[in-house]
Amino acid sequence: MSQNTAPSGLTSIREHLARLRLPVVAAPMFLVSGPELVIAAARAGIVGAFPTPNCRTTADLERWMATITEACAGAPGLWAANLVTHSTNPRLADDLALIARYRPPVVITALGSPRAAVEVVHAYGGIVLADVISVELARKAAAAGADGLVCVSAGAGGHTGFQSPFAFVSALRREFDGLICLSGGIADGFGIAGAVAAGADLVYMGTRFLAADESRAVPAYKQMVVDARLEDLVVSAAITGTPASWLLPSLRANGYDPDQLKTAAARDYGGDAMRWKDLWAAGQGVGAVDAQEPVATIVDRLADEFRTASAALAARAAI
């Protein structure tokens, strides 16, 4: 695996990432991440991201991007658009046209090759991160021109991975010198410090922001996340055809018997949005969420924990 020639903007983006208050991406969450969450994250000094399928129409997506672009001007953090590059996405060309117009500093591709986004994003100096769940897919994404990899590991919410986060980042660092964003059950500042120490540039956090005031999750979803613990999760492919991490109380409330779940015959990444509206996902960091609160408050706590963990690491290294 080798990183392709970097766009002119990669160095400046790396410099900006180094100036973030925390190396954290508020991960794009289907039906949950909207302009409010993205803007609050950027203003708090991290990266805020949203999936473009959260907008029902191209016109909606343009309104979101215009709002986010204006609100994030001068913010200490960044914003990112998450683009589904799977062949079943009928809006891919339209979404790419808006990305070229509004120029998100970071574009995250999912469920397909990043190749379609690379030329568009590199043309204006942005960077492309590609979701991957294996070393094999990471190699393909790097060969397609991705500047970085989002390592979706075991413990991630929604469509999840199966590799240990530490083993995954270690394997990739042997071959890849681009950006690595680590995902999988990281929900506090101690986990952020551990990921950075292991070789990650960024940490993906979705579950930690599910119950944020700015999240578009419905109140009952937020409360379920606050009440849930690690043992309240199950990984199953029965809902979308791809393994995802679900909240057990949500499945039971909708008539699913967790002991009887079977793999779906066909994959459905969101065409039936009602599945994701009524059935709620979370990652293994769910136990760290104990209140509904603003993004700024969450980031403050993460920063305090990160400083404590970093100091402990420094002290241990000095022995």
C-alpha atoms as a PDB file:
ATOM      1  CA  MET A   1       0.000   0.000   0.000  1.00  0.00           C
ATOM      2  CA  SER A   2       1.341   3.435  -0.806  1.00  0.00           C
ATOM      3  CA  GLN A   3      -0.184   6.867  -0.692  1.00  0.00           C
ATOM      4  CA  ASN A   4      -0.659   8.536  -4.064  1.00  0.00           C
ATOM      5  CA  THR A   5       0.760  11.986  -4.738  1.00  0.00           C
ATOM      6  CA  ALA A   6      -0.870  14.370  -2.291  1.00  0.00           C
ATOM      7  CA  PRO A   7      -2.973  17.291  -3.496  1.00  0.00           C
ATOM      8  CA  SER A   8      -1.600  20.770  -2.863  1.00  0.00           C
ATOM      9  CA  GLY A   9      -4.070  21.201  -0.015  1.00  0.00           C
ATOM     10  CA  LEU A  10      -3.023  18.116   1.974  1.00  0.00           C
ATOM     11  CA  THR A  11      -0.124  19.852   3.711  1.00  0.00           C
ATOM     12  CA  SER A  12      -2.291  22.790   4.752  1.00  0.00           C
ATOM     13  CA  ILE A  13      -5.063  20.468   5.926  1.00  0.00           C
ATOM     14  CA  ARG A  14      -2.542  18.490   7.977  1.00  0.00           C
ATOM     15  CA  GLU A  15      -1.390  21.762   9.529  1.00  0.00           C
ATOM     16  CA  HIS A  16      -4.993  22.724  10.298  1.00  0.00           C
ATOM     17  CA  LEU A  17      -5.695  19.302  11.780  1.00  0.00           C
ATOM     18  CA  ALA A  18      -2.689  19.790  14.038  1.00  0.00           C
ATOM     19  CA  ARG A  19      -4.248  23.033  15.275  1.00  0.00           C
ATOM     20  CA  LEU A  20      -7.591  21.454  16.151  1.00  0.00           C
ATOM     21  CA  ARG A  21      -8.466  21.570  19.812  1.00  0.00           C
ATOM     22  CA  LEU A  22      -8.792  17.788  19.669  1.00  0.00           C
ATOM     23  CA  PRO A  23      -8.044  15.313  16.842  1.00  0.00           C
ATOM     24  CA  VAL A  24     -11.694  14.285  16.699  1.00  0.00           C
ATOM     25  CA  VAL A  25     -14.314  13.923  13.976  1.00  0.00           C
ATOM     26  CA  ALA A  26     -17.945  14.053  15.086  1.00  0.00           C
ATOM     27  CA  ALA A  27     -18.751  11.149  12.790  1.00  0.00           C
ATOM     28  CA  PRO A  28     -21.464  11.439  10.136  1.00  0.00           C
ATOM     29  CA  MET A  29     -24.568   9.610  11.350  1.00  0.00           C
ATOM     30  CA  PHE A  30     -27.531   8.718   9.141  1.00  0.00           C
ATOM     31  CA  LEU A  31     -30.655  10.746  10.050  1.00  0.00           C
ATOM     32  CA  VAL A  32     -28.807  12.194  13.062  1.00  0.00           C
ATOM     33  CA  SER A  33     -26.079  14.563  11.839  1.00  0.00           C
ATOM     34  CA  GLY A  34     -27.388  17.867  10.507  1.00  0.00           C
ATOM     35  CA  PRO A  35     -26.056  21.404  10.113  1.00  0.00           C
ATOM     36  CA  GLU A  36     -26.555  22.110  13.821  1.00  0.00           C
ATOM     37  CA  LEU A  37     -24.230  19.290  14.900  1.00  0.00           C
ATOM     38  CA  VAL A  38     -21.655  20.009  12.177  1.00  0.00           C
ATOM     39  CA  ILE A  39     -21.486  23.716  13.001  1.00  0.00           C
ATOM     40  CA  ALA A  40     -21.330  23.149  16.755  1.00  0.00           C
ATOM     41  CA  ALA A  41     -18.481  20.671  16.293  1.00  0.00           C
ATOM     42  CA  ALA A  42     -16.458  23.015  14.072  1.00  0.00           C
ATOM     43  CA  ARG A  43     -16.986  25.896  16.479  1.00  0.00           C
ATOM     44  CA  ALA A  44     -15.856  23.677  19.370  1.00  0.00           C
ATOM     45  CA  GLY A  45     -12.572  22.997  17.595  1.00  0.00           C
ATOM     46  CA  ILE A  46     -13.092  19.534  16.103  1.00  0.00           C
ATOM     47  CA  VAL A  47     -14.331  18.257  12.722  1.00  0.00           C
ATOM     48  CA  GLY A  48     -18.074  18.095  12.164  1.00  0.00           C
ATOM     49  CA  ALA A  49     -19.399  15.749   9.482  1.00  0.00           C
ATOM     50  CA  PHE A  50     -22.725  14.761   7.952  1.00  0.00           C
ATOM     51  CA  PRO A  51     -23.838  12.172   5.359  1.00  0.00           C
ATOM     52  CA  THR A  52     -25.202  13.717   2.184  1.00  0.00           C
ATOM     53  CA  PRO A  53     -28.112  11.172   2.150  1.00  0.00           C
ATOM     54  CA  ASN A  54     -29.478  12.987   5.220  1.00  0.00           C
ATOM     55  CA  CYS A  55     -30.746  15.532   2.700  1.00  0.00           C
ATOM     56  CA  ARG A  56     -33.794  14.225   0.866  1.00  0.00           C
ATOM     57  CA  THR A  57     -33.118  16.291  -2.271  1.00  0.00           C
ATOM     58  CA  THR A  58     -30.229  18.004  -4.024  1.00  0.00           C
ATOM     59  CA  ALA A  59     -31.853  21.343  -3.206  1.00  0.00           C
ATOM     60  CA  ASP A  60     -31.846  20.426   0.489  1.00  0.00           C
ATOM     61  CA  LEU A  61     -28.181  19.473   0.274  1.00  0.00           C
ATOM     62  CA  GLU A  62     -27.320  22.803  -1.318  1.00  0.00           C
ATOM     63  CA  ARG A  63     -29.103  24.674   1.490  1.00  0.00           C
ATOM     64  CA  TRP A  64     -27.242  22.645   4.108  1.00  0.00           C
ATOM     65  CA  MET A  65     -23.865  23.235   2.478  1.00  0.00           C
ATOM     66  CA  ALA A  66     -24.490  26.971   2.099  1.00  0.00           C
ATOM     67  CA  THR A  67     -25.511  27.234   5.768  1.00  0.00           C
ATOM     68  CA  ILE A  68     -22.545  25.208   7.002  1.00  0.00           C
ATOM     69  CA  THR A  69     -20.031  27.034   4.809  1.00  0.00           C
ATOM     70  CA  GLU A  70     -21.145  30.429   6.091  1.00  0.00           C
ATOM     71  CA  ALA A  71     -21.410  29.388   9.746  1.00  0.00           C
ATOM     72  CA  CYS A  72     -18.023  27.626   9.816  1.00  0.00           C
ATOM     73  CA  ALA A  73     -16.076  30.492   8.279  1.00  0.00           C
ATOM     74  CA  GLY A  74     -13.343  31.337  10.760  1.00  0.00           C
ATOM     75  CA  ALA A  75     -14.213  28.433  13.090  1.00  0.00           C
ATOM     76  CA  PRO A  76     -11.265  26.681  14.775  1.00  0.00           C
ATOM     77  CA  GLY A  77     -12.515  23.344  13.482  1.00  0.00           C
ATOM     78  CA  LEU A  78     -13.439  21.974  10.068  1.00  0.00           C
ATOM     79  CA  TRP A  79     -16.457  20.483   8.348  1.00  0.00           C
ATOM     80  CA  ALA A  80     -16.721  17.362   6.235  1.00  0.00           C
ATOM     81  CA  ALA A  81     -19.241  15.864   3.839  1.00  0.00           C
ATOM     82  CA  ASN A  82     -19.760  12.098   3.860  1.00  0.00           C
ATOM     83  CA  LEU A  83     -20.511  10.806   0.371  1.00  0.00           C
ATOM     84  CA  VAL A  84     -21.927   7.373  -0.465  1.00  0.00           C
ATOM     85  CA  THR A  85     -19.976   6.210  -3.518  1.00  0.00           C
ATOM     86  CA  HIS A  86     -21.761   2.861  -3.843  1.00  0.00           C
ATOM     87  CA  SER A  87     -23.141   2.205  -7.328  1.00  0.00           C
ATOM     88  CA  THR A  88     -26.708   2.246  -5.964  1.00  0.00           C
ATOM     89  CA  ASN A  89     -26.482   5.965  -5.104  1.00  0.00           C
ATOM     90  CA  PRO A  90     -28.463   7.709  -7.883  1.00  0.00           C
ATOM     91  CA  ARG A  91     -27.463  11.170  -6.656  1.00  0.00           C
ATOM     92  CA  LEU A  92     -23.699  10.715  -6.737  1.00  0.00           C
ATOM     93  CA  ALA A  93     -23.062  13.047  -9.689  1.00  0.00           C
ATOM     94  CA  ASP A  94     -25.314  15.770  -8.261  1.00  0.00           C
ATOM     95  CA  ASP A  95     -23.714  15.501  -4.823  1.00  0.00           C
ATOM     96  CA  LEU A  96     -20.239  15.747  -6.351  1.00  0.00           C
ATOM     97  CA  ALA A  97     -21.264  18.874  -8.239  1.00  0.00           C
ATOM     98  CA  LEU A  98     -22.265  20.527  -4.960  1.00  0.00           C
ATOM     99  CA  ILE A  99     -19.059  19.382  -3.305  1.00  0.00           C
ATOM    100  CA  ALA A 100     -17.121  21.084  -6.102  1.00  0.00           C
ATOM    101  CA  ARG A 101     -19.143  24.264  -5.534  1.00  0.00           C
ATOM    102  CA  TYR A 102     -18.993  24.460  -1.718  1.00  0.00           C
ATOM    103  CA  ARG A 103     -15.572  22.860  -1.237  1.00  0.00           C
ATOM    104  CA  PRO A 104     -15.747  21.035   2.098  1.00  0.00           C
ATOM    105  CA  PRO A 105     -12.154  20.763   3.367  1.00  0.00           C
ATOM    106  CA  VAL A 106     -12.674  17.044   3.960  1.00  0.00           C
ATOM    107  CA  VAL A 107     -14.794  14.563   2.010  1.00  0.00           C
ATOM    108  CA  ILE A 108     -15.368  11.107   3.497  1.00  0.00           C
ATOM    109  CA  THR A 109     -16.401   8.348   1.121  1.00  0.00           C
ATOM    110  CA  ALA A 110     -18.349   5.287   2.224  1.00  0.00           C
ATOM    111  CA  LEU A 111     -19.647   1.998   0.843  1.00  0.00           C
ATOM    112  CA  GLY A 112     -17.657   2.242  -2.365  1.00  0.00           C
ATOM    113  CA  SER A 113     -14.396   3.303  -3.995  1.00  0.00           C
ATOM    114  CA  PRO A 114     -13.254   6.875  -3.306  1.00  0.00           C
ATOM    115  CA  ARG A 115     -12.085   7.230  -6.918  1.00  0.00           C
ATOM    116  CA  ALA A 116     -15.190   9.163  -8.004  1.00  0.00           C
ATOM    117  CA  ALA A 117     -14.540  11.866  -5.406  1.00  0.00           C
ATOM    118  CA  VAL A 118     -10.767  12.164  -5.623  1.00  0.00           C
ATOM    119  CA  GLU A 119     -10.473  14.211  -8.819  1.00  0.00           C
ATOM    120  CA  VAL A 120     -13.236  16.617  -7.776  1.00  0.00           C
ATOM    121  CA  VAL A 121     -11.907  17.187  -4.256  1.00  0.00           C
ATOM    122  CA  HIS A 122      -8.233  17.388  -5.205  1.00  0.00           C
ATOM    123  CA  ALA A 123      -9.085  20.017  -7.825  1.00  0.00           C
ATOM    124  CA  TYR A 124      -9.906  22.545  -5.098  1.00  0.00           C
ATOM    125  CA  GLY A 125      -7.249  21.361  -2.626  1.00  0.00           C
ATOM    126  CA  GLY A 126      -9.425  19.303  -0.285  1.00  0.00           C
ATOM    127  CA  ILE A 127      -8.693  15.829   0.980  1.00  0.00           C
ATOM    128  CA  VAL A 128     -10.520  12.530   0.687  1.00  0.00           C
ATOM    129  CA  LEU A 129     -10.822  10.017   3.503  1.00  0.00           C
ATOM    130  CA  ALA A 130     -12.231   6.580   2.682  1.00  0.00           C
ATOM    131  CA  ASP A 131     -14.150   4.321   5.057  1.00  0.00           C
ATOM    132  CA  VAL A 132     -12.518   0.875   5.205  1.00  0.00           C
ATOM    133  CA  ILE A 133     -13.124  -2.225   7.306  1.00  0.00           C
ATOM    134  CA  SER A 134     -10.123  -4.305   6.248  1.00  0.00           C
ATOM    135  CA  VAL A 135      -6.510  -3.999   5.128  1.00  0.00           C
ATOM    136  CA  GLU A 136      -7.534  -5.244   1.685  1.00  0.00           C
ATOM    137  CA  LEU A 137     -10.078  -2.448   1.279  1.00  0.00           C
ATOM    138  CA  ALA A 138      -7.552   0.030   2.656  1.00  0.00           C
ATOM    139  CA  ARG A 139      -5.098  -0.946  -0.063  1.00  0.00           C
ATOM    140  CA  LYS A 140      -7.767  -0.449  -2.727  1.00  0.00           C
ATOM    141  CA  ALA A 141      -8.730   2.954  -1.318  1.00  0.00           C
ATOM    142  CA  ALA A 142      -5.113   4.104  -1.230  1.00  0.00           C
ATOM    143  CA  ALA A 143      -4.613   2.909  -4.811  1.00  0.00           C
ATOM    144  CA  ALA A 144      -7.707   4.883  -5.827  1.00  0.00           C
ATOM    145  CA  GLY A 145      -6.120   8.083  -4.506  1.00  0.00           C
ATOM    146  CA  ALA A 146      -7.537   8.472  -0.989  1.00  0.00           C
ATOM    147  CA  ASP A 147      -5.459  10.803   1.180  1.00  0.00           C
ATOM    148  CA  GLY A 148      -6.557   9.068   4.358  1.00  0.00           C
ATOM    149  CA  LEU A 149      -8.436   6.108   5.726  1.00  0.00           C
ATOM    150  CA  VAL A 150     -11.260   5.894   8.243  1.00  0.00           C
ATOM    151  CA  CYS A 151     -10.583   2.566   9.929  1.00  0.00           C
ATOM    152  CA  VAL A 152     -14.016   1.301  10.936  1.00  0.00           C
ATOM    153  CA  SER A 153     -13.109  -1.227  13.616  1.00  0.00           C
ATOM    154  CA  ALA A 154     -14.868  -3.530  16.043  1.00  0.00           C
ATOM    155  CA  GLY A 155     -17.020  -1.511  18.419  1.00  0.00           C
ATOM    156  CA  ALA A 156     -18.125   1.102  15.877  1.00  0.00           C
ATOM    157  CA  GLY A 157     -21.797   1.994  15.730  1.00  0.00           C
ATOM    158  CA  GLY A 158     -23.994   1.638  12.665  1.00  0.00           C
ATOM    159  CA  HIS A 159     -22.334  -0.453   9.959  1.00  0.00           C
ATOM    160  CA  THR A 160     -19.437  -1.771  11.994  1.00  0.00           C
ATOM    161  CA  GLY A 161     -16.070  -3.450  11.491  1.00  0.00           C
ATOM    162  CA  PHE A 162     -14.412  -6.522  12.961  1.00  0.00           C
ATOM    163  CA  GLN A 163     -10.733  -5.672  13.395  1.00  0.00           C
ATOM    164  CA  SER A 164      -9.294  -4.615  16.751  1.00  0.00           C
ATOM    165  CA  PRO A 165      -8.726  -0.831  16.515  1.00  0.00           C
ATOM    166  CA  PHE A 166      -5.131  -1.102  17.736  1.00  0.00           C
ATOM    167  CA  ALA A 167      -4.289  -4.040  15.465  1.00  0.00           C
ATOM    168  CA  PHE A 168      -5.927  -2.309  12.494  1.00  0.00           C
ATOM    169  CA  VAL A 169      -4.033   0.965  12.825  1.00  0.00           C
ATOM    170  CA  SER A 170      -0.783  -0.918  13.452  1.00  0.00           C
ATOM    171  CA  ALA A 171      -1.216  -2.974  10.289  1.00  0.00           C
ATOM    172  CA  LEU A 172      -1.997   0.087   8.176  1.00  0.00           C
ATOM    173  CA  ARG A 173       0.870   2.159   9.535  1.00  0.00           C
ATOM    174  CA  ARG A 174       3.281  -0.451   8.205  1.00  0.00           C
ATOM    175  CA  GLU A 175       2.166   0.357   4.669  1.00  0.00           C
ATOM    176  CA  PHE A 176       0.369   3.713   4.611  1.00  0.00           C
ATOM    177  CA  ASP A 177       1.789   7.160   5.388  1.00  0.00           C
ATOM    178  CA  GLY A 178      -1.425   9.121   4.830  1.00  0.00           C
ATOM    179  CA  LEU A 179      -3.972  10.238   7.388  1.00  0.00           C
ATOM    180  CA  ILE A 180      -5.542   7.560   9.560  1.00  0.00           C
ATOM    181  CA  CYS A 181      -8.792   8.186  11.403  1.00  0.00           C
ATOM    182  CA  LEU A 182      -9.599   5.446  13.906  1.00  0.00           C
ATOM    183  CA  SER A 183     -13.151   4.390  14.696  1.00  0.00           C
ATOM    184  CA  GLY A 184     -14.468   1.785  17.084  1.00  0.00           C
ATOM    185  CA  GLY A 185     -15.762   2.241  20.633  1.00  0.00           C
ATOM    186  CA  ILE A 186     -13.741   5.401  21.375  1.00  0.00           C
ATOM    187  CA  ALA A 187     -15.888   7.716  23.452  1.00  0.00           C
ATOM    188  CA  ASP A 188     -13.675   9.599  25.914  1.00  0.00           C
ATOM    189  CA  GLY A 189     -10.454  11.567  26.007  1.00  0.00           C
ATOM    190  CA  PHE A 190      -8.507   8.592  27.306  1.00  0.00           C
ATOM    191  CA  GLY A 191      -9.450   6.660  24.182  1.00  0.00           C
ATOM    192  CA  ILE A 192      -8.410   9.598  22.005  1.00  0.00           C
ATOM    193  CA  ALA A 193      -4.973   9.608  23.639  1.00  0.00           C
ATOM    194  CA  GLY A 194      -4.673   5.859  23.157  1.00  0.00           C
ATOM    195  CA  ALA A 195      -5.542   6.119  19.475  1.00  0.00           C
ATOM    196  CA  VAL A 196      -3.003   8.886  18.881  1.00  0.00           C
ATOM    197  CA  ALA A 197      -0.347   6.933  20.762  1.00  0.00           C
ATOM    198  CA  ALA A 198      -1.102   3.933  18.526  1.00  0.00           C
ATOM    199  CA  GLY A 199      -0.497   5.956  15.359  1.00  0.00           C
ATOM    200  CA  ALA A 200      -3.838   7.527  14.429  1.00  0.00           C
ATOM    201  CA  ASP A 201      -4.085  11.139  13.267  1.00  0.00           C
ATOM    202  CA  LEU A 202      -7.778  11.468  14.073  1.00  0.00           C
ATOM    203  CA  VAL A 203     -10.493   9.695  16.017  1.00  0.00           C
ATOM    204  CA  TYR A 204     -14.034   9.104  14.738  1.00  0.00           C
ATOM    205  CA  MET A 205     -16.721   9.569  17.399  1.00  0.00           C
ATOM    206  CA  GLY A 206     -20.366   9.018  16.581  1.00  0.00           C
ATOM    207  CA  THR A 207     -22.024   7.483  19.628  1.00  0.00           C
ATOM    208  CA  ARG A 208     -20.544  10.130  21.945  1.00  0.00           C
ATOM    209  CA  PHE A 209     -22.529  12.791  20.081  1.00  0.00           C
ATOM    210  CA  LEU A 210     -25.806  10.894  19.608  1.00  0.00           C
ATOM    211  CA  ALA A 211     -27.375  12.507  22.678  1.00  0.00           C
ATOM    212  CA  ALA A 212     -25.944  15.977  22.046  1.00  0.00           C
ATOM    213  CA  ASP A 213     -28.430  18.829  22.096  1.00  0.00           C
ATOM    214  CA  GLU A 214     -27.565  19.560  18.454  1.00  0.00           C
ATOM    215  CA  SER A 215     -28.130  15.956  17.339  1.00  0.00           C
ATOM    216  CA  ARG A 216     -31.222  15.296  15.229  1.00  0.00           C
ATOM    217  CA  ALA A 217     -31.903  12.025  17.036  1.00  0.00           C
ATOM    218  CA  VAL A 218     -35.417  12.005  18.448  1.00  0.00           C
ATOM    219  CA  PRO A 219     -35.707  12.489  22.237  1.00  0.00           C
ATOM    220  CA  ALA A 220     -36.507   8.818  22.891  1.00  0.00           C
ATOM    221  CA  TYR A 221     -33.398   7.762  20.959  1.00  0.00           C
ATOM    222  CA  LYS A 222     -31.235  10.164  22.954  1.00  0.00           C
ATOM    223  CA  GLN A 223     -32.658   8.879  26.225  1.00  0.00           C
ATOM    224  CA  MET A 224     -32.093   5.265  25.199  1.00  0.00           C
ATOM    225  CA  VAL A 225     -28.443   6.091  24.486  1.00  0.00           C
ATOM    226  CA  VAL A 226     -28.085   7.788  27.883  1.00  0.00           C
ATOM    227  CA  ASP A 227     -29.634   4.775  29.627  1.00  0.00           C
ATOM    228  CA  ALA A 228     -27.794   2.094  27.621  1.00  0.00           C
ATOM    229  CA  ARG A 229     -24.670   0.197  28.582  1.00  0.00           C
ATOM    230  CA  LEU A 230     -22.303  -2.008  26.619  1.00  0.00           C
ATOM    231  CA  GLU A 231     -24.425  -5.111  27.178  1.00  0.00           C
ATOM    232  CA  ASP A 232     -27.402  -3.377  25.504  1.00  0.00           C
ATOM    233  CA  LEU A 233     -25.879  -3.789  22.013  1.00  0.00           C
ATOM    234  CA  VAL A 234     -26.083  -6.514  19.394  1.00  0.00           C
ATOM    235  CA  VAL A 235     -24.339  -6.789  16.019  1.00  0.00           C
ATOM    236  CA  SER A 236     -26.597  -8.138  13.283  1.00  0.00           C
ATOM    237  CA  ALA A 237     -26.904  -8.081   9.488  1.00  0.00           C
ATOM    238  CA  ALA A 238     -30.644  -8.769   9.653  1.00  0.00           C
ATOM    239  CA  ILE A 239     -31.722  -5.168   9.194  1.00  0.00           C
ATOM    240  CA  THR A 240     -29.736  -3.909   6.186  1.00  0.00           C
ATOM    241  CA  GLY A 241     -27.882  -6.992   4.978  1.00  0.00           C
ATOM    242  CA  THR A 242     -24.604  -5.681   6.399  1.00  0.00           C
ATOM    243  CA  PRO A 243     -23.498  -6.165  10.032  1.00  0.00           C
ATOM    244  CA  ALA A 244     -24.458  -3.188  12.161  1.00  0.00           C
ATOM    245  CA  SER A 245     -24.436  -2.475  15.884  1.00  0.00           C
ATOM    246  CA  TRP A 246     -27.971  -1.978  17.223  1.00  0.00           C
ATOM    247  CA  LEU A 247     -29.503  -1.023  20.565  1.00  0.00           C
ATOM    248  CA  LEU A 248     -31.308  -4.080  21.893  1.00  0.00           C
ATOM    249  CA  PRO A 249     -34.200  -2.101  23.450  1.00  0.00           C
ATOM    250  CA  SER A 250     -34.871  -0.545  20.049  1.00  0.00           C
ATOM    251  CA  LEU A 251     -35.024  -3.928  18.318  1.00  0.00           C
ATOM    252  CA  ARG A 252     -37.346  -5.351  20.950  1.00  0.00           C
ATOM    253  CA  ALA A 253     -39.611  -2.294  20.785  1.00  0.00           C
ATOM    254  CA  ASN A 254     -40.058  -2.935  17.060  1.00  0.00           C
ATOM    255  CA  GLY A 255     -40.870  -6.624  17.352  1.00  0.00           C
ATOM    256  CA  TYR A 256     -37.447  -8.142  16.686  1.00  0.00           C
ATOM    257  CA  ASP A 257     -36.297 -11.084  18.761  1.00  0.00           C
ATOM    258  CA  PRO A 258     -32.497 -10.644  19.076  1.00  0.00           C
ATOM    259  CA  ASP A 259     -32.099 -14.413  19.438  1.00  0.00           C
ATOM    260  CA  GLN A 260     -33.869 -15.071  16.137  1.00  0.00           C
ATOM    261  CA  LEU A 261     -32.223 -12.538  13.845  1.00  0.00           C
ATOM    262  CA  LYS A 262     -31.094 -13.850  10.475  1.00  0.00           C
ATOM    263  CA  THR A 263     -28.989 -12.244   7.744  1.00  0.00           C
ATOM    264  CA  ALA A 264     -31.060 -10.300   5.227  1.00  0.00           C
ATOM    265  CA  ALA A 265     -31.074 -11.617   1.665  1.00  0.00           C
ATOM    266  CA  ALA A 266     -30.059  -8.303   0.085  1.00  0.00           C
ATOM    267  CA  ARG A 267     -28.171  -5.234   1.177  1.00  0.00           C
ATOM    268  CA  ASP A 268     -30.069  -1.988   1.698  1.00  0.00           C
ATOM    269  CA  TYR A 269     -27.858   0.942   2.709  1.00  0.00           C
ATOM    270  CA  GLY A 270     -30.626   3.395   3.361  1.00  0.00           C
ATOM    271  CA  GLY A 271     -33.199   3.170   0.602  1.00  0.00           C
ATOM    272  CA  ASP A 272     -35.634   2.158   3.324  1.00  0.00           C
ATOM    273  CA  ALA A 273     -34.835   5.008   5.690  1.00  0.00           C
ATOM    274  CA  MET A 274     -37.680   3.951   7.987  1.00  0.00           C
ATOM    275  CA  ARG A 275     -35.488   1.098   9.207  1.00  0.00           C
ATOM    276  CA  TRP A 276     -32.978   3.588  10.557  1.00  0.00           C
ATOM    277  CA  LYS A 277     -35.706   5.939  11.773  1.00  0.00           C
ATOM    278  CA  ASP A 278     -37.375   3.329  13.970  1.00  0.00           C
ATOM    279  CA  LEU A 279     -34.420   1.030  14.717  1.00  0.00           C
ATOM    280  CA  TRP A 280     -31.586   2.764  16.507  1.00  0.00           C
ATOM    281  CA  ALA A 281     -27.866   2.097  16.310  1.00  0.00           C
ATOM    282  CA  ALA A 282     -24.997   2.824  18.698  1.00  0.00           C
ATOM    283  CA  GLY A 283     -21.395   1.797  19.208  1.00  0.00           C
ATOM    284  CA  GLN A 284     -19.547   0.262  22.123  1.00  0.00           C
ATOM    285  CA  GLY A 285     -18.740   3.687  23.555  1.00  0.00           C
ATOM    286  CA  VAL A 286     -22.377   4.028  24.577  1.00  0.00           C
ATOM    287  CA  GLY A 287     -21.579   3.591  28.268  1.00  0.00           C
ATOM    288  CA  ALA A 288     -19.667   6.890  28.271  1.00  0.00           C
ATOM    289  CA  VAL A 289     -22.834   8.843  27.462  1.00  0.00           C
ATOM    290  CA  ASP A 290     -24.691   9.693  30.654  1.00  0.00           C
ATOM    291  CA  ALA A 291     -26.466  12.965  29.817  1.00  0.00           C
ATOM    292  CA  GLN A 292     -27.987  15.017  27.040  1.00  0.00           C
ATOM    293  CA  GLU A 293     -25.797  18.112  26.705  1.00  0.00           C
ATOM    294  CA  PRO A 294     -24.389  20.564  24.157  1.00  0.00           C
ATOM    295  CA  VAL A 295     -21.533  19.626  21.836  1.00  0.00           C
ATOM    296  CA  ALA A 296     -19.380  22.337  23.443  1.00  0.00           C
ATOM    297  CA  THR A 297     -19.782  20.701  26.860  1.00  0.00           C
ATOM    298  CA  ILE A 298     -18.932  17.266  25.468  1.00  0.00           C
ATOM    299  CA  VAL A 299     -15.785  18.609  23.791  1.00  0.00           C
ATOM    300  CA  ASP A 300     -14.747  20.395  27.006  1.00  0.00           C
ATOM    301  CA  ARG A 301     -14.942  17.095  28.882  1.00  0.00           C
ATOM    302  CA  LEU A 302     -13.093  15.218  26.149  1.00  0.00           C
ATOM    303  CA  ALA A 303     -10.332  17.853  26.239  1.00  0.00           C
ATOM    304  CA  ASP A 304      -9.963  17.542  30.019  1.00  0.00           C
ATOM    305  CA  GLU A 305      -9.738  13.749  29.768  1.00  0.00           C
ATOM    306  CA  PHE A 306      -7.281  13.970  26.880  1.00  0.00           C
ATOM    307  CA  ARG A 307      -4.990  16.275  28.865  1.00  0.00           C
ATOM    308  CA  THR A 308      -5.105  13.927  31.850  1.00  0.00           C
ATOM    309  CA  ALA A 309      -4.317  10.910  29.678  1.00  0.00           C
ATOM    310  CA  SER A 310      -1.536  12.733  27.821  1.00  0.00           C
ATOM    311  CA  ALA A 311       0.063  13.795  31.092  1.00  0.00           C
ATOM    312  CA  ALA A 312      -0.058  10.218  32.356  1.00  0.00           C
ATOM    313  CA  LEU A 313       1.591   8.985  29.155  1.00  0.00           C
ATOM    314  CA  ALA A 314       4.302  11.631  29.392  1.00  0.00           C
ATOM    315  CA  ALA A 315       4.982  10.770  33.023  1.00  0.00           C
ATOM    316  CA  ARG A 316       5.174   7.070  32.225  1.00  0.00           C
ATOM    317  CA  ALA A 317       7.522   7.689  29.313  1.00  0.00           C
ATOM    318  CA  ALA A 318       9.828   9.703  31.568  1.00  0.00           C
ATOM    319  CA  ILE A 319      10.403   6.791  33.931  1.00  0.00           C
END
